[in-house]
């Protein structure tokens, strides 16, 4: 907090930085299959965020965040990992439950079967 009693950064700013950090980690995990190698990259990402932690000038901070977003966009994985059961995953909607028929549809199907 600053000496005037007003918080230096808003809650929205903190959430944005947390989101950016998480997106960086997720993108790194898309590039590194082995967790031990990914962990080293995660430490580098954390160090980069820590280096910029004490920036108090809003204009300088806006420039740093803009550069971070541009760097992330440039390094995005072209085919990110998707959990199998999530949308676009390999098992998404693979074994859907059968459609439930109304009583009328059941009766019509049974009547057609017996004729």
PDB file of N, CA and C in Angstrom:
ATOM      1  N   UNK A   1       0.838  -1.191   0.000  1.00  0.00           N
ATOM      2  CA  UNK A   1       0.000   0.000   0.000  1.00  0.00           C
ATOM      3  C   UNK A   1       0.874   1.242   0.000  1.00  0.00           C
ATOM      4  N   UNK A   2       0.381   2.287  -0.573  1.00  0.00           N
ATOM      5  CA  UNK A   2       1.125   3.538  -0.583  1.00  0.00           C
ATOM      6  C   UNK A   2       0.913   4.271   0.737  1.00  0.00           C
ATOM      7  N   UNK A   3       1.677   5.304   0.959  1.00  0.00           N
ATOM      8  CA  UNK A   3       1.607   6.029   2.227  1.00  0.00           C
ATOM      9  C   UNK A   3       0.292   6.786   2.398  1.00  0.00           C
ATOM     10  N   UNK A   4      -0.428   7.057   1.326  1.00  0.00           N
ATOM     11  CA  UNK A   4      -1.684   7.801   1.423  1.00  0.00           C
ATOM     12  C   UNK A   4      -2.852   6.925   1.858  1.00  0.00           C
ATOM     13  N   UNK A   5      -2.648   5.629   1.992  1.00  0.00           N
ATOM     14  CA  UNK A   5      -3.719   4.736   2.411  1.00  0.00           C
ATOM     15  C   UNK A   5      -4.525   4.178   1.259  1.00  0.00           C
ATOM     16  N   UNK A   6      -4.230   4.619   0.030  1.00  0.00           N
ATOM     17  CA  UNK A   6      -4.927   4.125  -1.148  1.00  0.00           C
ATOM     18  C   UNK A   6      -4.104   2.973  -1.729  1.00  0.00           C
ATOM     19  N   UNK A   7      -4.731   1.831  -2.040  1.00  0.00           N
ATOM     20  CA  UNK A   7      -3.963   0.718  -2.600  1.00  0.00           C
ATOM     21  C   UNK A   7      -3.279   1.113  -3.902  1.00  0.00           C
ATOM     22  N   UNK A   8      -2.047   0.623  -4.075  1.00  0.00           N
ATOM     23  CA  UNK A   8      -1.280   0.961  -5.270  1.00  0.00           C
ATOM     24  C   UNK A   8      -1.942   0.401  -6.530  1.00  0.00           C
ATOM     25  N   UNK A   9      -2.504  -0.779  -6.430  1.00  0.00           N
ATOM     26  CA  UNK A   9      -3.122  -1.414  -7.590  1.00  0.00           C
ATOM     27  C   UNK A   9      -4.515  -1.895  -7.228  1.00  0.00           C
ATOM     28  N   UNK A  10      -5.388  -1.873  -8.204  1.00  0.00           N
ATOM     29  CA  UNK A  10      -6.755  -2.295  -7.964  1.00  0.00           C
ATOM     30  C   UNK A  10      -6.850  -3.814  -7.990  1.00  0.00           C
ATOM     31  N   UNK A  11      -7.961  -4.323  -7.560  1.00  0.00           N
ATOM     32  CA  UNK A  11      -8.204  -5.758  -7.601  1.00  0.00           C
ATOM     33  C   UNK A  11      -8.236  -6.243  -9.047  1.00  0.00           C
ATOM     34  N   UNK A  12      -8.788  -5.435  -9.929  1.00  0.00           N
ATOM     35  CA  UNK A  12      -8.843  -5.816 -11.346  1.00  0.00           C
ATOM     36  C   UNK A  12      -7.433  -5.960 -11.915  1.00  0.00           C
ATOM     37  N   UNK A  13      -6.537  -5.066 -11.502  1.00  0.00           N
ATOM     38  CA  UNK A  13      -5.150  -5.152 -11.967  1.00  0.00           C
ATOM     39  C   UNK A  13      -4.506  -6.442 -11.478  1.00  0.00           C
ATOM     40  N   UNK A  14      -4.707  -6.759 -10.220  1.00  0.00           N
ATOM     41  CA  UNK A  14      -4.120  -7.993  -9.660  1.00  0.00           C
ATOM     42  C   UNK A  14      -4.665  -9.226 -10.385  1.00  0.00           C
ATOM     43  N   UNK A  15      -5.955  -9.252 -10.648  1.00  0.00           N
ATOM     44  CA  UNK A  15      -6.549 -10.389 -11.355  1.00  0.00           C
ATOM     45  C   UNK A  15      -6.003 -10.495 -12.773  1.00  0.00           C
ATOM     46  N   UNK A  16      -5.792  -9.361 -13.426  1.00  0.00           N
ATOM     47  CA  UNK A  16      -5.246  -9.363 -14.775  1.00  0.00           C
ATOM     48  C   UNK A  16      -3.833  -9.934 -14.784  1.00  0.00           C
ATOM     49  N   UNK A  17      -3.005  -9.501 -13.826  1.00  0.00           N
ATOM     50  CA  UNK A  17      -1.623  -9.989 -13.761  1.00  0.00           C
ATOM     51  C   UNK A  17      -1.614 -11.491 -13.430  1.00  0.00           C
ATOM     52  N   UNK A  18      -2.471 -11.919 -12.530  1.00  0.00           N
ATOM     53  CA  UNK A  18      -2.565 -13.357 -12.214  1.00  0.00           C
ATOM     54  C   UNK A  18      -2.975 -14.156 -13.446  1.00  0.00           C
ATOM     55  N   UNK A  19      -3.931 -13.624 -14.201  1.00  0.00           N
ATOM     56  CA  UNK A  19      -4.387 -14.294 -15.425  1.00  0.00           C
ATOM     57  C   UNK A  19      -3.258 -14.379 -16.443  1.00  0.00           C
ATOM     58  N   UNK A  20      -2.517 -13.297 -16.604  1.00  0.00           N
ATOM     59  CA  UNK A  20      -1.395 -13.276 -17.532  1.00  0.00           C
ATOM     60  C   UNK A  20      -0.343 -14.309 -17.115  1.00  0.00           C
ATOM     61  N   UNK A  21      -0.049 -14.360 -15.828  1.00  0.00           N
ATOM     62  CA  UNK A  21       0.923 -15.322 -15.296  1.00  0.00           C
ATOM     63  C   UNK A  21       0.469 -16.759 -15.567  1.00  0.00           C
ATOM     64  N   UNK A  22      -0.802 -17.029 -15.304  1.00  0.00           N
ATOM     65  CA  UNK A  22      -1.328 -18.376 -15.530  1.00  0.00           C
ATOM     66  C   UNK A  22      -1.296 -18.738 -17.016  1.00  0.00           C
ATOM     67  N   UNK A  23      -1.611 -17.778 -17.887  1.00  0.00           N
ATOM     68  CA  UNK A  23      -1.551 -18.046 -19.328  1.00  0.00           C
ATOM     69  C   UNK A  23      -0.129 -18.350 -19.778  1.00  0.00           C
ATOM     70  N   UNK A  24       0.849 -17.645 -19.188  1.00  0.00           N
ATOM     71  CA  UNK A  24       2.253 -17.929 -19.488  1.00  0.00           C
ATOM     72  C   UNK A  24       2.614 -19.351 -19.068  1.00  0.00           C
ATOM     73  N   UNK A  25       2.212 -19.745 -17.854  1.00  0.00           N
ATOM     74  CA  UNK A  25       2.522 -21.097 -17.368  1.00  0.00           C
ATOM     75  C   UNK A  25       1.837 -22.165 -18.217  1.00  0.00           C
ATOM     76  N   UNK A  26       0.588 -21.939 -18.573  1.00  0.00           N
ATOM     77  CA  UNK A  26      -0.149 -22.905 -19.386  1.00  0.00           C
ATOM     78  C   UNK A  26       0.491 -23.050 -20.755  1.00  0.00           C
ATOM     79  N   UNK A  27       0.893 -21.938 -21.339  1.00  0.00           N
ATOM     80  CA  UNK A  27       1.536 -21.993 -22.647  1.00  0.00           C
ATOM     81  C   UNK A  27       2.863 -22.735 -22.559  1.00  0.00           C
ATOM     82  N   UNK A  28       3.617 -22.500 -21.497  1.00  0.00           N
ATOM     83  CA  UNK A  28       4.893 -23.211 -21.317  1.00  0.00           C
ATOM     84  C   UNK A  28       4.638 -24.707 -21.180  1.00  0.00           C
ATOM     85  N   UNK A  29       3.572 -25.075 -20.486  1.00  0.00           N
ATOM     86  CA  UNK A  29       3.248 -26.496 -20.314  1.00  0.00           C
ATOM     87  C   UNK A  29       2.847 -27.133 -21.644  1.00  0.00           C
ATOM     88  N   UNK A  30       2.289 -26.356 -22.556  1.00  0.00           N
ATOM     89  CA  UNK A  30       1.982 -26.882 -23.886  1.00  0.00           C
ATOM     90  C   UNK A  30       3.248 -27.195 -24.663  1.00  0.00           C
ATOM     91  N   UNK A  31       4.326 -26.473 -24.411  1.00  0.00           N
ATOM     92  CA  UNK A  31       5.575 -26.678 -25.140  1.00  0.00           C
ATOM     93  C   UNK A  31       6.448 -27.756 -24.508  1.00  0.00           C
ATOM     94  N   UNK A  32       6.379 -27.915 -23.187  1.00  0.00           N
ATOM     95  CA  UNK A  32       7.239 -28.877 -22.488  1.00  0.00           C
ATOM     96  C   UNK A  32       6.396 -30.049 -22.004  1.00  0.00           C
ATOM     97  N   UNK A  33       6.726 -31.237 -22.466  1.00  0.00           N
ATOM     98  CA  UNK A  33       5.974 -32.414 -22.056  1.00  0.00           C
ATOM     99  C   UNK A  33       6.421 -32.872 -20.663  1.00  0.00           C
ATOM    100  N   UNK A  34       7.726 -32.854 -20.459  1.00  0.00           N
ATOM    101  CA  UNK A  34       8.268 -33.314 -19.174  1.00  0.00           C
ATOM    102  C   UNK A  34       8.147 -32.221 -18.122  1.00  0.00           C
ATOM    103  N   UNK A  35       7.576 -32.588 -16.963  1.00  0.00           N
ATOM    104  CA  UNK A  35       7.354 -31.618 -15.904  1.00  0.00           C
ATOM    105  C   UNK A  35       8.654 -31.057 -15.342  1.00  0.00           C
ATOM    106  N   UNK A  36       9.730 -31.841 -15.291  1.00  0.00           N
ATOM    107  CA  UNK A  36      10.979 -31.328 -14.740  1.00  0.00           C
ATOM    108  C   UNK A  36      11.548 -30.215 -15.618  1.00  0.00           C
ATOM    109  N   UNK A  37      11.398 -30.325 -16.934  1.00  0.00           N
ATOM    110  CA  UNK A  37      11.846 -29.261 -17.827  1.00  0.00           C
ATOM    111  C   UNK A  37      10.910 -28.052 -17.749  1.00  0.00           C
ATOM    112  N   UNK A  38       9.621 -28.330 -17.644  1.00  0.00           N
ATOM    113  CA  UNK A  38       8.642 -27.259 -17.523  1.00  0.00           C
ATOM    114  C   UNK A  38       8.855 -26.471 -16.238  1.00  0.00           C
ATOM    115  N   UNK A  39       9.237 -27.161 -15.181  1.00  0.00           N
ATOM    116  CA  UNK A  39       9.452 -26.488 -13.892  1.00  0.00           C
ATOM    117  C   UNK A  39      10.544 -25.425 -14.008  1.00  0.00           C
ATOM    118  N   UNK A  40      11.617 -25.732 -14.732  1.00  0.00           N
ATOM    119  CA  UNK A  40      12.675 -24.736 -14.929  1.00  0.00           C
ATOM    120  C   UNK A  40      12.138 -23.510 -15.675  1.00  0.00           C
ATOM    121  N   UNK A  41      11.308 -23.748 -16.687  1.00  0.00           N
ATOM    122  CA  UNK A  41      10.699 -22.642 -17.431  1.00  0.00           C
ATOM    123  C   UNK A  41       9.752 -21.856 -16.527  1.00  0.00           C
ATOM    124  N   UNK A  42       9.022 -22.546 -15.673  1.00  0.00           N
ATOM    125  CA  UNK A  42       8.101 -21.873 -14.751  1.00  0.00           C
ATOM    126  C   UNK A  42       8.870 -20.969 -13.789  1.00  0.00           C
ATOM    127  N   UNK A  43      10.032 -21.416 -13.356  1.00  0.00           N
ATOM    128  CA  UNK A  43      10.864 -20.595 -12.469  1.00  0.00           C
ATOM    129  C   UNK A  43      11.345 -19.350 -13.213  1.00  0.00           C
ATOM    130  N   UNK A  44      11.711 -19.496 -14.477  1.00  0.00           N
ATOM    131  CA  UNK A  44      12.127 -18.338 -15.286  1.00  0.00           C
ATOM    132  C   UNK A  44      10.976 -17.341 -15.433  1.00  0.00           C
ATOM    133  N   UNK A  45       9.767 -17.856 -15.682  1.00  0.00           N
ATOM    134  CA  UNK A  45       8.591 -16.993 -15.841  1.00  0.00           C
ATOM    135  C   UNK A  45       8.326 -16.248 -14.534  1.00  0.00           C
ATOM    136  N   UNK A  46       8.412 -16.967 -13.423  1.00  0.00           N
ATOM    137  CA  UNK A  46       8.180 -16.336 -12.116  1.00  0.00           C
ATOM    138  C   UNK A  46       9.205 -15.232 -11.868  1.00  0.00           C
ATOM    139  N   UNK A  47      10.472 -15.494 -12.204  1.00  0.00           N
ATOM    140  CA  UNK A  47      11.524 -14.494 -12.010  1.00  0.00           C
ATOM    141  C   UNK A  47      11.249 -13.244 -12.849  1.00  0.00           C
ATOM    142  N   UNK A  48      10.754 -13.450 -14.062  1.00  0.00           N
ATOM    143  CA  UNK A  48      10.428 -12.313 -14.931  1.00  0.00           C
ATOM    144  C   UNK A  48       9.307 -11.471 -14.321  1.00  0.00           C
ATOM    145  N   UNK A  49       8.285 -12.122 -13.774  1.00  0.00           N
ATOM    146  CA  UNK A  49       7.194 -11.392 -13.136  1.00  0.00           C
ATOM    147  C   UNK A  49       7.681 -10.692 -11.872  1.00  0.00           C
ATOM    148  N   UNK A  50       8.550 -11.346 -11.103  1.00  0.00           N
ATOM    149  CA  UNK A  50       9.083 -10.741  -9.883  1.00  0.00           C
ATOM    150  C   UNK A  50       9.938  -9.517 -10.188  1.00  0.00           C
ATOM    151  N   UNK A  51      10.694  -9.534 -11.300  1.00  0.00           N
ATOM    152  CA  UNK A  51      11.516  -8.384 -11.684  1.00  0.00           C
ATOM    153  C   UNK A  51      10.663  -7.142 -11.901  1.00  0.00           C
ATOM    154  N   UNK A  52       9.465  -7.335 -12.392  1.00  0.00           N
ATOM    155  CA  UNK A  52       8.574  -6.204 -12.697  1.00  0.00           C
ATOM    156  C   UNK A  52       7.558  -5.926 -11.599  1.00  0.00           C
ATOM    157  N   UNK A  53       7.717  -6.572 -10.471  1.00  0.00           N
ATOM    158  CA  UNK A  53       6.736  -6.464  -9.397  1.00  0.00           C
ATOM    159  C   UNK A  53       6.646  -5.064  -8.791  1.00  0.00           C
ATOM    160  N   UNK A  54       7.755  -4.378  -8.696  1.00  0.00           N
ATOM    161  CA  UNK A  54       7.783  -3.098  -7.986  1.00  0.00           C
ATOM    162  C   UNK A  54       7.643  -1.881  -8.889  1.00  0.00           C
ATOM    163  N   UNK A  55       7.162  -2.070 -10.092  1.00  0.00           N
ATOM    164  CA  UNK A  55       6.928  -0.921 -10.981  1.00  0.00           C
ATOM    165  C   UNK A  55       5.701  -0.176 -10.474  1.00  0.00           C
ATOM    166  N   UNK A  56       5.885   1.113 -10.218  1.00  0.00           N
ATOM    167  CA  UNK A  56       4.768   1.896  -9.684  1.00  0.00           C
ATOM    168  C   UNK A  56       4.241   2.918 -10.685  1.00  0.00           C
ATOM    169  N   UNK A  57       5.016   3.239 -11.699  1.00  0.00           N
ATOM    170  CA  UNK A  57       4.585   4.195 -12.713  1.00  0.00           C
ATOM    171  C   UNK A  57       3.567   3.527 -13.642  1.00  0.00           C
ATOM    172  N   UNK A  58       2.342   4.038 -13.702  1.00  0.00           N
ATOM    173  CA  UNK A  58       1.306   3.405 -14.525  1.00  0.00           C
ATOM    174  C   UNK A  58       1.678   3.297 -16.000  1.00  0.00           C
ATOM    175  N   UNK A  59       2.375   4.308 -16.528  1.00  0.00           N
ATOM    176  CA  UNK A  59       2.745   4.263 -17.949  1.00  0.00           C
ATOM    177  C   UNK A  59       3.790   3.183 -18.201  1.00  0.00           C
ATOM    178  N   UNK A  60       4.772   3.106 -17.337  1.00  0.00           N
ATOM    179  CA  UNK A  60       5.808   2.076 -17.479  1.00  0.00           C
ATOM    180  C   UNK A  60       5.187   0.691 -17.324  1.00  0.00           C
ATOM    181  N   UNK A  61       4.247   0.568 -16.389  1.00  0.00           N
ATOM    182  CA  UNK A  61       3.573  -0.716 -16.170  1.00  0.00           C
ATOM    183  C   UNK A  61       2.753  -1.106 -17.399  1.00  0.00           C
ATOM    184  N   UNK A  62       2.073  -0.139 -18.008  1.00  0.00           N
ATOM    185  CA  UNK A  62       1.285  -0.427 -19.209  1.00  0.00           C
ATOM    186  C   UNK A  62       2.188  -0.918 -20.330  1.00  0.00           C
ATOM    187  N   UNK A  63       3.371  -0.335 -20.462  1.00  0.00           N
ATOM    188  CA  UNK A  63       4.317  -0.764 -21.495  1.00  0.00           C
ATOM    189  C   UNK A  63       4.786  -2.189 -21.229  1.00  0.00           C
ATOM    190  N   UNK A  64       5.117  -2.485 -19.965  1.00  0.00           N
ATOM    191  CA  UNK A  64       5.584  -3.833 -19.604  1.00  0.00           C
ATOM    192  C   UNK A  64       4.491  -4.866 -19.886  1.00  0.00           C
ATOM    193  N   UNK A  65       3.257  -4.557 -19.516  1.00  0.00           N
ATOM    194  CA  UNK A  65       2.156  -5.503 -19.740  1.00  0.00           C
ATOM    195  C   UNK A  65       1.875  -5.682 -21.232  1.00  0.00           C
ATOM    196  N   UNK A  66       1.971  -4.603 -21.995  1.00  0.00           N
ATOM    197  CA  UNK A  66       1.789  -4.695 -23.448  1.00  0.00           C
ATOM    198  C   UNK A  66       2.845  -5.603 -24.075  1.00  0.00           C
ATOM    199  N   UNK A  67       4.093  -5.425 -23.638  1.00  0.00           N
ATOM    200  CA  UNK A  67       5.190  -6.259 -24.150  1.00  0.00           C
ATOM    201  C   UNK A  67       4.987  -7.719 -23.759  1.00  0.00           C
ATOM    202  N   UNK A  68       4.506  -7.947 -22.539  1.00  0.00           N
ATOM    203  CA  UNK A  68       4.264  -9.321 -22.083  1.00  0.00           C
ATOM    204  C   UNK A  68       3.176  -9.988 -22.914  1.00  0.00           C
ATOM    205  N   UNK A  69       2.105  -9.244 -23.201  1.00  0.00           N
ATOM    206  CA  UNK A  69       1.018  -9.796 -24.024  1.00  0.00           C
ATOM    207  C   UNK A  69       1.527 -10.106 -25.437  1.00  0.00           C
ATOM    208  N   UNK A  70       2.344  -9.203 -25.996  1.00  0.00           N
ATOM    209  CA  UNK A  70       2.885  -9.417 -27.345  1.00  0.00           C
ATOM    210  C   UNK A  70       3.803 -10.638 -27.367  1.00  0.00           C
ATOM    211  N   UNK A  71       4.623 -10.786 -26.333  1.00  0.00           N
ATOM    212  CA  UNK A  71       5.539 -11.930 -26.251  1.00  0.00           C
ATOM    213  C   UNK A  71       4.746 -13.241 -26.138  1.00  0.00           C
ATOM    214  N   UNK A  72       3.693 -13.215 -25.321  1.00  0.00           N
ATOM    215  CA  UNK A  72       2.859 -14.414 -25.166  1.00  0.00           C
ATOM    216  C   UNK A  72       2.175 -14.760 -26.484  1.00  0.00           C
ATOM    217  N   UNK A  73       1.658 -13.766 -27.178  1.00  0.00           N
ATOM    218  CA  UNK A  73       0.985 -14.016 -28.457  1.00  0.00           C
ATOM    219  C   UNK A  73       1.963 -14.601 -29.475  1.00  0.00           C
ATOM    220  N   UNK A  74       3.187 -14.127 -29.447  1.00  0.00           N
ATOM    221  CA  UNK A  74       4.204 -14.611 -30.386  1.00  0.00           C
ATOM    222  C   UNK A  74       4.602 -16.055 -30.084  1.00  0.00           C
ATOM    223  N   UNK A  75       4.597 -16.430 -28.794  1.00  0.00           N
ATOM    224  CA  UNK A  75       5.062 -17.754 -28.379  1.00  0.00           C
ATOM    225  C   UNK A  75       3.938 -18.768 -28.173  1.00  0.00           C
ATOM    226  N   UNK A  76       2.706 -18.425 -28.504  1.00  0.00           N
ATOM    227  CA  UNK A  76       1.593 -19.365 -28.298  1.00  0.00           C
ATOM    228  C   UNK A  76       1.817 -20.656 -29.078  1.00  0.00           C
ATOM    229  N   UNK A  77       1.478 -21.762 -28.445  1.00  0.00           N
ATOM    230  CA  UNK A  77       1.614 -23.069 -29.086  1.00  0.00           C
ATOM    231  C   UNK A  77       0.539 -23.206 -30.163  1.00  0.00           C
ATOM    232  N   UNK A  78       0.896 -23.704 -31.358  1.00  0.00           N
ATOM    233  CA  UNK A  78      -0.107 -23.808 -32.426  1.00  0.00           C
ATOM    234  C   UNK A  78      -1.155 -24.891 -32.178  1.00  0.00           C
ATOM    235  N   UNK A  79      -0.819 -25.883 -31.370  1.00  0.00           N
ATOM    236  CA  UNK A  79      -1.751 -26.971 -31.083  1.00  0.00           C
ATOM    237  C   UNK A  79      -1.723 -27.252 -29.579  1.00  0.00           C
ATOM    238  N   UNK A  80      -2.373 -26.387 -28.766  1.00  0.00           N
ATOM    239  CA  UNK A  80      -2.287 -26.548 -27.314  1.00  0.00           C
ATOM    240  C   UNK A  80      -2.964 -27.829 -26.828  1.00  0.00           C
ATOM    241  N   UNK A  81      -2.511 -28.298 -25.668  1.00  0.00           N
ATOM    242  CA  UNK A  81      -3.085 -29.503 -25.063  1.00  0.00           C
ATOM    243  C   UNK A  81      -4.515 -29.218 -24.619  1.00  0.00           C
ATOM    244  N   UNK A  82      -5.395 -30.137 -24.924  1.00  0.00           N
ATOM    245  CA  UNK A  82      -6.776 -30.060 -24.452  1.00  0.00           C
ATOM    246  C   UNK A  82      -7.071 -31.368 -23.731  1.00  0.00           C
ATOM    247  N   UNK A  83      -7.593 -31.298 -22.498  1.00  0.00           N
ATOM    248  CA  UNK A  83      -7.958 -32.542 -21.815  1.00  0.00           C
ATOM    249  C   UNK A  83      -8.951 -33.338 -22.663  1.00  0.00           C
ATOM    250  N   UNK A  84      -8.839 -34.665 -22.673  1.00  0.00           N
ATOM    251  CA  UNK A  84      -9.653 -35.492 -23.575  1.00  0.00           C
ATOM    252  C   UNK A  84     -11.158 -35.259 -23.507  1.00  0.00           C
ATOM    253  N   UNK A  85     -11.709 -35.033 -22.327  1.00  0.00           N
ATOM    254  CA  UNK A  85     -13.160 -34.898 -22.211  1.00  0.00           C
ATOM    255  C   UNK A  85     -13.647 -33.459 -22.317  1.00  0.00           C
ATOM    256  N   UNK A  86     -12.744 -32.498 -22.487  1.00  0.00           N
ATOM    257  CA  UNK A  86     -13.121 -31.101 -22.653  1.00  0.00           C
ATOM    258  C   UNK A  86     -13.500 -30.852 -24.113  1.00  0.00           C
ATOM    259  N   UNK A  87     -14.221 -29.753 -24.393  1.00  0.00           N
ATOM    260  CA  UNK A  87     -14.536 -29.443 -25.797  1.00  0.00           C
ATOM    261  C   UNK A  87     -13.267 -29.413 -26.646  1.00  0.00           C
ATOM    262  N   UNK A  88     -13.331 -30.008 -27.796  1.00  0.00           N
ATOM    263  CA  UNK A  88     -12.209 -30.171 -28.728  1.00  0.00           C
ATOM    264  C   UNK A  88     -11.202 -31.212 -28.281  1.00  0.00           C
ATOM    265  N   UNK A  89     -11.457 -31.901 -27.179  1.00  0.00           N
ATOM    266  CA  UNK A  89     -10.570 -32.978 -26.747  1.00  0.00           C
ATOM    267  C   UNK A  89     -10.801 -34.217 -27.595  1.00  0.00           C
ATOM    268  N   UNK A  90      -9.915 -35.210 -27.477  1.00  0.00           N
ATOM    269  CA  UNK A  90      -9.999 -36.400 -28.322  1.00  0.00           C
ATOM    270  C   UNK A  90     -11.220 -37.266 -28.022  1.00  0.00           C
ATOM    271  N   UNK A  91     -11.772 -37.171 -26.814  1.00  0.00           N
ATOM    272  CA  UNK A  91     -12.946 -37.985 -26.467  1.00  0.00           C
ATOM    273  C   UNK A  91     -14.221 -37.155 -26.321  1.00  0.00           C
ATOM    274  N   UNK A  92     -14.183 -35.905 -26.750  1.00  0.00           N
ATOM    275  CA  UNK A  92     -15.348 -35.038 -26.614  1.00  0.00           C
ATOM    276  C   UNK A  92     -16.525 -35.597 -27.407  1.00  0.00           C
ATOM    277  N   UNK A  93     -17.621 -35.853 -26.746  1.00  0.00           N
ATOM    278  CA  UNK A  93     -18.859 -36.373 -27.321  1.00  0.00           C
ATOM    279  C   UNK A  93     -18.674 -37.690 -28.062  1.00  0.00           C
ATOM    280  N   UNK A  94     -17.711 -38.489 -27.632  1.00  0.00           N
ATOM    281  CA  UNK A  94     -17.467 -39.754 -28.322  1.00  0.00           C
ATOM    282  C   UNK A  94     -18.567 -40.767 -28.031  1.00  0.00           C
ATOM    283  N   UNK A  95     -18.941 -40.935 -26.781  1.00  0.00           N
ATOM    284  CA  UNK A  95     -19.968 -41.910 -26.417  1.00  0.00           C
ATOM    285  C   UNK A  95     -21.153 -41.184 -25.782  1.00  0.00           C
ATOM    286  N   UNK A  96     -21.908 -40.532 -26.610  1.00  0.00           N
ATOM    287  CA  UNK A  96     -23.076 -39.813 -26.115  1.00  0.00           C
ATOM    288  C   UNK A  96     -24.151 -40.800 -25.668  1.00  0.00           C
ATOM    289  N   UNK A  97     -24.886 -40.469 -24.617  1.00  0.00           N
ATOM    290  CA  UNK A  97     -25.984 -41.347 -24.216  1.00  0.00           C
ATOM    291  C   UNK A  97     -27.058 -41.349 -25.301  1.00  0.00           C
ATOM    292  N   UNK A  98     -27.804 -42.450 -25.430  1.00  0.00           N
ATOM    293  CA  UNK A  98     -28.836 -42.518 -26.477  1.00  0.00           C
ATOM    294  C   UNK A  98     -29.934 -41.478 -26.244  1.00  0.00           C
ATOM    295  N   UNK A  99     -30.539 -41.078 -27.322  1.00  0.00           N
ATOM    296  CA  UNK A  99     -31.621 -40.098 -27.270  1.00  0.00           C
ATOM    297  C   UNK A  99     -32.819 -40.696 -26.552  1.00  0.00           C
ATOM    298  N   UNK A 100     -33.464 -39.908 -25.715  1.00  0.00           N
ATOM    299  CA  UNK A 100     -34.645 -40.365 -24.994  1.00  0.00           C
ATOM    300  C   UNK A 100     -35.890 -40.058 -25.832  1.00  0.00           C
ATOM    301  N   UNK A 101     -36.707 -41.098 -26.063  1.00  0.00           N
ATOM    302  CA  UNK A 101     -37.898 -40.938 -26.888  1.00  0.00           C
ATOM    303  C   UNK A 101     -39.106 -40.635 -26.022  1.00  0.00           C
ATOM    304  N   UNK A 102     -40.068 -39.925 -26.587  1.00  0.00           N
ATOM    305  CA  UNK A 102     -41.315 -39.652 -25.881  1.00  0.00           C
ATOM    306  C   UNK A 102     -42.177 -40.913 -25.937  1.00  0.00           C
ATOM    307  N   UNK A 103     -43.209 -40.937 -25.145  1.00  0.00           N
ATOM    308  CA  UNK A 103     -44.129 -42.087 -25.130  1.00  0.00           C
ATOM    309  C   UNK A 103     -44.787 -42.265 -26.504  1.00  0.00           C
ATOM    310  N   UNK A 104     -45.129 -41.167 -27.153  1.00  0.00           N
ATOM    311  CA  UNK A 104     -45.756 -41.221 -28.468  1.00  0.00           C
ATOM    312  C   UNK A 104     -44.803 -41.843 -29.487  1.00  0.00           C
ATOM    313  N   UNK A 105     -43.534 -41.437 -29.482  1.00  0.00           N
ATOM    314  CA  UNK A 105     -42.542 -41.982 -30.411  1.00  0.00           C
ATOM    315  C   UNK A 105     -42.320 -43.477 -30.159  1.00  0.00           C
ATOM    316  N   UNK A 106     -42.328 -43.880 -28.878  1.00  0.00           N
ATOM    317  CA  UNK A 106     -42.168 -45.312 -28.547  1.00  0.00           C
ATOM    318  C   UNK A 106     -43.339 -46.117 -29.105  1.00  0.00           C
ATOM    319  N   UNK A 107     -44.549 -45.599 -28.903  1.00  0.00           N
ATOM    320  CA  UNK A 107     -45.746 -46.301 -29.371  1.00  0.00           C
ATOM    321  C   UNK A 107     -45.743 -46.413 -30.899  1.00  0.00           C
ATOM    322  N   UNK A 108     -45.357 -45.340 -31.590  1.00  0.00           N
ATOM    323  CA  UNK A 108     -45.303 -45.377 -33.050  1.00  0.00           C
ATOM    324  C   UNK A 108     -44.263 -46.390 -33.539  1.00  0.00           C
ATOM    325  N   UNK A 109     -43.116 -46.432 -32.891  1.00  0.00           N
ATOM    326  CA  UNK A 109     -42.053 -47.368 -33.293  1.00  0.00           C
ATOM    327  C   UNK A 109     -42.511 -48.800 -33.070  1.00  0.00           C
ATOM    328  N   UNK A 110     -43.160 -49.069 -31.936  1.00  0.00           N
ATOM    329  CA  UNK A 110     -43.634 -50.433 -31.654  1.00  0.00           C
ATOM    330  C   UNK A 110     -44.762 -50.832 -32.635  1.00  0.00           C
ATOM    331  N   UNK A 111     -45.641 -49.870 -32.949  1.00  0.00           N
ATOM    332  CA  UNK A 111     -46.721 -50.152 -33.886  1.00  0.00           C
ATOM    333  C   UNK A 111     -46.166 -50.434 -35.285  1.00  0.00           C
ATOM    334  N   UNK A 112     -45.168 -49.700 -35.702  1.00  0.00           N
ATOM    335  CA  UNK A 112     -44.560 -49.908 -37.016  1.00  0.00           C
ATOM    336  C   UNK A 112     -43.813 -51.219 -37.066  1.00  0.00           C
ATOM    337  N   UNK A 113     -43.274 -51.643 -35.952  1.00  0.00           N
ATOM    338  CA  UNK A 113     -42.512 -52.890 -35.900  1.00  0.00           C
ATOM    339  C   UNK A 113     -43.420 -54.120 -36.043  1.00  0.00           C
ATOM    340  N   UNK A 114     -44.645 -54.027 -35.539  1.00  0.00           N
ATOM    341  CA  UNK A 114     -45.567 -55.155 -35.586  1.00  0.00           C
ATOM    342  C   UNK A 114     -46.344 -55.232 -36.890  1.00  0.00           C
ATOM    343  N   UNK A 115     -46.246 -54.282 -37.751  1.00  0.00           N
ATOM    344  CA  UNK A 115     -46.995 -54.343 -39.016  1.00  0.00           C
ATOM    345  C   UNK A 115     -46.142 -54.763 -40.134  1.00  0.00           C
TER     346      UNK A 115
END
